[in-house]
Amino acid sequence: MNMESLFNFGIDLIVAFQSAGDWMLTPMEFFTFLGSEDFFILILPVLYWSVDAALGLRVGVILLLTSGINNLLKFAFHWPRPYWYSAKVTPFSAEASFGMPSGHSQSAVGVWGAVASYYRRSGAWIAAISLMLLVGLSRIYLGVHFPHDVLTGWLVGVLILWVFLRYWDDVAEWAQKMTLGKQILTAFLVSMGLTLTGVLLTSGLRDWTMPVEWMQNAARAGNELPAPVSMSGLLTTTGTLFGLLAGLAFMETKGGFSAAGLPWKRLVRYLIGLVGVAIIYVGLKLVFPEGSTFIPSFFRYLRYMLLGFWISGLAPWLFVRLQLANNVHE
């Protein structure tokens, strides 16, 4: 099957799925939200600060790694989304990036799989696998992914999850033997490795132009036009990853952080933490320049690096100082 036949086969399946009726729109939008980075970013601070720091760290790291790898794969394939490719598909949602593979499907496997493996209960795995499947199906119904995008996202997510679970403890033990400086340097090199790979891949797309028909079809969605060669998403991911790992290394030198405690302390931690998130995420966005050139890109990376550092480092340190939490190494 050549590429055109693959796309047309996918279009036929999507149109048939969408013909089931608009009553599916609300549940499909709900399940797509459960696989989105926005949702995971909302629950990550809750997990890390107020539920279980070890689980929050796992979720944060696998989310950022799988998101970064997904960005790179999208650049490598540079394949369209269904509603770009064909006017037959109803665009119930809109996306700016390339379609292959599905980031929602990939992240759902990684994150929900990490949660299920942490609790090691059959019920957790049943719930996780159900969410993985429903998130993927929701992306097809909304018209933003071909079936092959979703299948590839699931497969890549499974591979990342397997590697993550296989080597997490070994890598953690190896990192704990390093000095603070070496831990931060290693985190920076991982972040830069992903970033520079993205730079190389997007450089190869410098002469690529989006077909006029794709852009015309995409304009039907009305709210977010394609900008598929942008580095913004990757810089968001790599900056946050560096900040999260650097903050963790910093906090370990201060005795670590435990999310245990009285319910009111857990709630106050979350509320104080959200203030810091708002200052960094919203406040610095108003101050820092925006755009796709080097200087705005640098400040975007810096803003998200500070956000990651706040979540795993400065906020936990502040919670301990305010006696809202305890060190884990006491």
Protein backbone atom coordinates (compact mmCIF):
# COMPACT_ATOMS: atom_id res chain seq x y z
CA MET A 1 0.00 0.00 0.00
CA ASN A 2 1.51 3.35 -1.05
CA MET A 3 1.21 6.53 0.99
CA GLU A 4 -1.77 7.93 -0.92
CA SER A 5 -3.70 4.67 -0.57
CA LEU A 6 -2.89 4.59 3.17
CA PHE A 7 -4.20 8.14 3.61
CA ASN A 8 -7.37 7.47 1.58
CA PHE A 9 -8.06 4.26 3.51
CA GLY A 10 -7.73 6.24 6.75
CA ILE A 11 -10.04 8.98 5.48
CA ASP A 12 -12.75 6.41 4.70
CA LEU A 13 -12.50 4.96 8.22
CA ILE A 14 -12.63 8.41 9.84
CA VAL A 15 -15.66 9.50 7.81
CA ALA A 16 -17.44 6.26 8.76
CA PHE A 17 -16.57 6.79 12.44
CA GLN A 18 -17.74 10.41 12.42
CA SER A 19 -21.01 9.36 10.78
CA ALA A 20 -21.96 7.67 14.07
CA GLY A 21 -23.27 11.08 15.13
CA ASP A 22 -22.45 14.31 16.97
CA TRP A 23 -23.60 12.78 20.26
CA MET A 24 -20.09 11.31 20.51
CA LEU A 25 -18.39 14.69 20.40
CA THR A 26 -18.52 15.48 24.14
CA PRO A 27 -17.23 12.08 25.36
CA MET A 28 -14.54 12.07 22.66
CA GLU A 29 -13.41 15.56 23.69
CA PHE A 30 -13.30 14.37 27.30
CA PHE A 31 -11.13 11.37 26.51
CA THR A 32 -8.82 13.42 24.28
CA PHE A 33 -8.35 15.81 27.23
CA LEU A 34 -7.29 12.87 29.42
CA GLY A 35 -4.42 12.25 27.00
CA SER A 36 -3.40 15.87 26.54
CA GLU A 37 -0.32 17.62 27.86
CA ASP A 38 -2.58 20.28 29.39
CA PHE A 39 -4.23 17.64 31.57
CA PHE A 40 -0.96 16.00 32.55
CA ILE A 41 0.57 19.38 33.40
CA LEU A 42 -2.43 20.05 35.65
CA ILE A 43 -2.13 16.76 37.54
CA LEU A 44 1.68 16.63 37.71
CA PRO A 45 1.95 19.27 40.50
CA VAL A 46 -0.92 17.59 42.36
CA LEU A 47 0.85 14.24 42.24
CA TYR A 48 4.29 15.59 43.09
CA TRP A 49 3.36 18.07 45.82
CA SER A 50 0.27 16.53 47.40
CA VAL A 51 -0.09 12.81 46.62
CA ASP A 52 3.15 10.89 46.06
CA ALA A 53 6.38 12.58 44.99
CA ALA A 54 7.88 9.35 43.60
CA LEU A 55 4.84 8.77 41.38
CA GLY A 56 4.78 12.43 40.34
CA LEU A 57 8.42 12.25 39.30
CA ARG A 58 7.82 9.14 37.19
CA VAL A 59 4.84 10.74 35.48
CA GLY A 60 6.74 13.96 34.84
CA VAL A 61 9.82 12.31 33.38
CA ILE A 62 8.02 9.84 31.10
CA LEU A 63 5.59 12.55 29.95
CA LEU A 64 8.41 14.89 28.95
CA LEU A 65 10.54 12.17 27.35
CA THR A 66 7.68 10.79 25.28
CA SER A 67 6.58 14.28 24.30
CA GLY A 68 10.09 15.19 23.15
CA ILE A 69 10.47 11.98 21.15
CA ASN A 70 7.02 12.52 19.62
CA ASN A 71 8.03 15.99 18.42
CA LEU A 72 11.12 14.54 16.76
CA LEU A 73 9.13 11.77 15.06
CA LYS A 74 6.62 14.30 13.76
CA PHE A 75 9.45 16.27 12.13
CA ALA A 76 10.94 13.07 10.71
CA PHE A 77 7.68 11.88 9.10
CA HIS A 78 6.14 15.34 8.39
CA TRP A 79 2.84 13.72 7.46
CA PRO A 80 -0.50 15.57 7.39
CA ARG A 81 -3.49 15.42 9.66
CA PRO A 82 -6.73 14.02 8.18
CA TYR A 83 -8.64 17.29 8.14
CA TRP A 84 -5.69 18.93 6.31
CA TYR A 85 -5.59 16.16 3.74
CA SER A 86 -9.28 15.82 2.93
CA ALA A 87 -12.32 18.10 3.09
CA LYS A 88 -14.41 14.96 3.73
CA VAL A 89 -13.22 14.93 7.34
CA THR A 90 -15.04 17.17 9.82
CA PRO A 91 -12.49 19.06 11.95
CA PHE A 92 -13.96 18.83 15.45
CA SER A 93 -10.60 20.03 16.78
CA ALA A 94 -7.49 21.71 15.39
CA GLU A 95 -3.75 21.13 15.76
CA ALA A 96 -0.74 23.06 14.49
CA SER A 97 1.81 20.22 14.36
CA PHE A 98 2.30 17.30 11.98
CA GLY A 99 0.15 14.24 12.61
CA MET A 100 2.40 11.17 12.66
CA PRO A 101 2.55 9.67 15.27
CA SER A 102 -0.28 10.64 17.62
CA GLY A 103 1.19 12.42 20.64
CA HIS A 104 -1.97 11.93 22.71
CA SER A 105 -1.93 8.17 22.08
CA GLN A 106 1.79 7.92 22.78
CA SER A 107 1.61 9.98 25.98
CA ALA A 108 -1.46 8.09 27.21
CA VAL A 109 0.42 4.79 26.98
CA GLY A 110 3.50 6.22 28.69
CA VAL A 111 1.80 8.12 31.50
CA TRP A 112 -1.11 5.83 32.33
CA GLY A 113 1.16 2.81 31.91
CA ALA A 114 3.64 4.34 34.39
CA VAL A 115 0.83 4.97 36.88
CA ALA A 116 -0.52 1.40 36.55
CA SER A 117 2.94 -0.13 36.91
CA TYR A 118 3.56 1.95 40.04
CA TYR A 119 0.45 0.59 41.80
CA ARG A 120 0.88 -2.95 40.40
CA ARG A 121 -2.80 -3.82 40.55
CA SER A 122 -4.84 -5.50 37.84
CA GLY A 123 -7.58 -2.90 38.24
CA ALA A 124 -5.09 -0.12 37.60
CA TRP A 125 -3.92 -1.82 34.40
CA ILE A 126 -7.49 -2.36 33.19
CA ALA A 127 -8.27 1.33 33.75
CA ALA A 128 -4.99 2.42 32.12
CA ILE A 129 -5.44 0.27 29.00
CA SER A 130 -9.05 1.44 28.66
CA LEU A 131 -7.89 5.05 28.76
CA MET A 132 -5.13 4.37 26.23
CA LEU A 133 -7.65 2.90 23.78
CA LEU A 134 -10.29 5.59 24.30
CA VAL A 135 -7.79 8.43 23.96
CA GLY A 136 -6.59 7.00 20.65
CA LEU A 137 -10.12 6.49 19.31
CA SER A 138 -11.04 10.04 20.32
CA ARG A 139 -8.24 11.44 18.17
CA ILE A 140 -9.59 9.58 15.14
CA TYR A 141 -13.18 10.72 15.74
CA LEU A 142 -12.13 14.37 16.15
CA GLY A 143 -10.48 14.23 12.73
CA VAL A 144 -6.99 15.15 13.90
CA HIS A 145 -5.34 11.74 13.41
CA PHE A 146 -5.36 8.91 10.92
CA PRO A 147 -5.71 5.38 12.32
CA HIS A 148 -2.06 4.73 11.42
CA ASP A 149 -1.04 7.81 13.47
CA VAL A 150 -2.77 6.34 16.51
CA LEU A 151 -1.43 2.82 16.02
CA THR A 152 2.11 4.15 15.67
CA GLY A 153 1.64 6.33 18.76
CA TRP A 154 0.55 3.32 20.78
CA LEU A 155 3.50 1.24 19.57
CA VAL A 156 6.07 3.97 20.27
CA GLY A 157 4.45 4.57 23.66
CA VAL A 158 4.73 0.87 24.55
CA LEU A 159 8.42 0.85 23.57
CA ILE A 160 9.18 3.96 25.63
CA LEU A 161 7.22 2.58 28.59
CA TRP A 162 9.12 -0.73 28.45
CA VAL A 163 12.52 1.01 28.34
CA PHE A 164 11.42 3.37 31.13
CA LEU A 165 10.27 0.59 33.45
CA ARG A 166 13.28 -1.58 32.63
CA TYR A 167 15.94 1.04 33.36
CA TRP A 168 14.32 3.54 35.75
CA ASP A 169 15.78 2.08 38.96
CA ASP A 170 19.23 1.54 37.39
CA VAL A 171 19.41 5.10 36.08
CA ALA A 172 18.18 6.52 39.40
CA GLU A 173 20.85 4.57 41.31
CA TRP A 174 23.52 5.71 38.84
CA ALA A 175 22.43 9.37 39.11
CA GLN A 176 22.42 9.33 42.91
CA LYS A 177 26.15 8.53 42.90
CA MET A 178 26.91 11.76 41.01
CA THR A 179 27.66 15.14 42.47
CA LEU A 180 25.05 17.89 42.13
CA GLY A 181 27.04 19.51 39.34
CA LYS A 182 27.28 16.29 37.33
CA GLN A 183 23.58 15.57 37.78
CA ILE A 184 22.65 19.00 36.46
CA LEU A 185 25.13 18.71 33.59
CA THR A 186 23.74 15.30 32.62
CA ALA A 187 20.18 16.65 32.67
CA PHE A 188 21.26 19.58 30.49
CA LEU A 189 22.98 17.30 27.98
CA VAL A 190 19.88 15.10 27.67
CA SER A 191 17.77 18.22 27.14
CA MET A 192 20.19 19.65 24.59
CA GLY A 193 20.44 16.30 22.80
CA LEU A 194 16.71 16.33 22.13
CA THR A 195 16.75 20.03 21.23
CA LEU A 196 19.64 19.80 18.78
CA THR A 197 18.11 16.74 17.13
CA GLY A 198 15.01 18.85 16.59
CA VAL A 199 17.13 21.65 15.11
CA LEU A 200 18.72 19.21 12.65
CA LEU A 201 15.37 17.74 11.61
CA THR A 202 13.69 21.12 11.12
CA SER A 203 16.73 22.34 9.17
CA GLY A 204 16.09 19.51 6.75
CA LEU A 205 12.54 20.86 6.32
CA ARG A 206 13.72 24.38 5.51
CA ASP A 207 12.64 24.05 1.87
CA TRP A 208 9.45 22.14 2.67
CA THR A 209 6.23 24.01 1.93
CA MET A 210 2.79 22.99 3.00
CA PRO A 211 0.52 22.14 0.05
CA VAL A 212 -2.05 24.87 -0.59
CA GLU A 213 -4.88 22.35 -0.43
CA TRP A 214 -3.80 21.23 3.04
CA MET A 215 -3.80 24.80 4.31
CA GLN A 216 -7.20 25.52 2.76
CA ASN A 217 -8.69 22.42 4.33
CA ALA A 218 -7.06 23.19 7.69
CA ALA A 219 -8.54 26.70 7.67
CA ARG A 220 -12.01 25.13 8.10
CA ALA A 221 -11.17 24.47 11.75
CA GLY A 222 -10.98 28.21 12.18
CA ASN A 223 -8.97 28.57 15.37
CA GLU A 224 -5.46 27.14 14.98
CA LEU A 225 -3.71 27.14 11.61
CA PRO A 226 -0.87 24.68 10.99
CA ALA A 227 2.68 25.68 11.92
CA PRO A 228 4.18 22.18 11.78
CA VAL A 229 7.87 23.07 11.52
CA SER A 230 7.85 25.17 14.70
CA MET A 231 10.29 24.28 17.50
CA SER A 232 8.02 25.77 20.18
CA GLY A 233 6.57 22.47 21.38
CA LEU A 234 9.95 20.79 21.59
CA LEU A 235 11.51 23.72 23.47
CA THR A 236 8.63 23.61 25.95
CA THR A 237 9.32 19.94 26.58
CA THR A 238 13.12 20.05 26.74
CA GLY A 239 13.18 23.17 28.91
CA THR A 240 10.73 21.66 31.40
CA LEU A 241 12.64 18.36 31.43
CA PHE A 242 15.93 20.07 32.27
CA GLY A 243 14.31 22.18 34.98
CA LEU A 244 12.50 19.20 36.51
CA LEU A 245 15.65 17.07 36.72
CA ALA A 246 17.81 19.96 37.94
CA GLY A 247 15.24 20.82 40.59
CA LEU A 248 15.14 17.23 41.75
CA ALA A 249 18.94 17.14 42.06
CA PHE A 250 18.89 20.42 44.01
CA MET A 251 16.19 19.18 46.39
CA GLU A 252 18.06 15.93 47.03
CA THR A 253 20.93 17.99 48.47
CA LYS A 254 18.40 19.54 50.86
CA GLY A 255 17.15 16.20 52.17
CA GLY A 256 14.59 15.34 49.49
CA PHE A 257 10.85 15.92 49.60
CA SER A 258 7.94 13.84 50.91
CA ALA A 259 4.37 14.52 49.77
CA ALA A 260 2.99 12.86 52.92
CA GLY A 261 1.18 14.95 55.50
CA LEU A 262 -2.16 16.18 56.78
CA PRO A 263 -4.83 16.92 54.15
CA TRP A 264 -4.84 20.66 54.86
CA LYS A 265 -1.08 20.83 54.38
CA ARG A 266 -1.34 19.01 51.05
CA LEU A 267 -3.99 21.50 49.93
CA VAL A 268 -2.01 24.56 51.04
CA ARG A 269 1.08 23.21 49.25
CA TYR A 270 -0.87 22.92 46.03
CA LEU A 271 -2.33 26.42 46.31
CA ILE A 272 1.05 28.02 47.07
CA GLY A 273 2.64 26.02 44.29
CA LEU A 274 0.05 27.19 41.79
CA VAL A 275 0.90 30.80 42.58
CA GLY A 276 4.48 30.11 41.57
CA VAL A 277 3.30 28.32 38.42
CA ALA A 278 1.15 31.32 37.50
CA ILE A 279 4.03 33.77 38.03
CA ILE A 280 6.39 31.76 35.85
CA TYR A 281 3.97 30.50 33.21
CA VAL A 282 1.79 33.59 32.81
CA GLY A 283 3.89 36.40 34.25
CA LEU A 284 7.09 35.64 32.38
CA LYS A 285 5.14 35.04 29.18
CA LEU A 286 4.01 38.66 29.34
CA VAL A 287 7.59 39.84 29.81
CA PHE A 288 9.64 37.53 27.57
CA PRO A 289 9.69 38.10 23.79
CA GLU A 290 7.75 35.73 21.55
CA GLY A 291 8.59 34.42 18.10
CA SER A 292 10.54 31.73 16.29
CA THR A 293 13.98 33.36 16.11
CA PHE A 294 16.87 32.49 18.45
CA ILE A 295 16.25 35.07 21.21
CA PRO A 296 12.52 34.31 21.73
CA SER A 297 13.29 30.59 21.50
CA PHE A 298 15.96 30.95 24.20
CA PHE A 299 13.54 32.74 26.51
CA ARG A 300 10.85 30.14 25.88
CA TYR A 301 13.31 27.40 26.90
CA LEU A 302 14.29 29.46 29.96
CA ARG A 303 10.69 30.04 31.05
CA TYR A 304 9.82 26.36 30.94
CA MET A 305 13.12 25.42 32.57
CA LEU A 306 12.19 27.69 35.49
CA LEU A 307 8.73 26.10 35.59
CA GLY A 308 10.22 22.61 35.88
CA PHE A 309 12.72 23.78 38.51
CA TRP A 310 9.91 25.34 40.54
CA ILE A 311 7.83 22.15 40.49
CA SER A 312 10.56 19.74 41.64
CA GLY A 313 13.01 22.05 43.43
CA LEU A 314 12.07 25.49 44.69
CA ALA A 315 8.44 24.77 45.63
CA PRO A 316 9.31 21.62 47.66
CA TRP A 317 12.17 23.51 49.35
CA LEU A 318 9.72 26.29 50.25
CA PHE A 319 7.17 23.79 51.57
CA VAL A 320 9.76 22.27 53.90
CA ARG A 321 10.90 25.70 55.10
CA LEU A 322 7.28 26.65 55.84
CA GLN A 323 6.83 23.31 57.71
CA LEU A 324 4.16 22.23 55.26
CA ALA A 325 6.18 19.14 54.31
CA ASN A 326 9.05 17.00 55.53
CA ASN A 327 12.28 15.90 53.98
CA VAL A 328 12.22 12.31 52.80
CA HIS A 329 15.71 11.67 54.20
CA GLU A 330 15.01 12.29 57.90
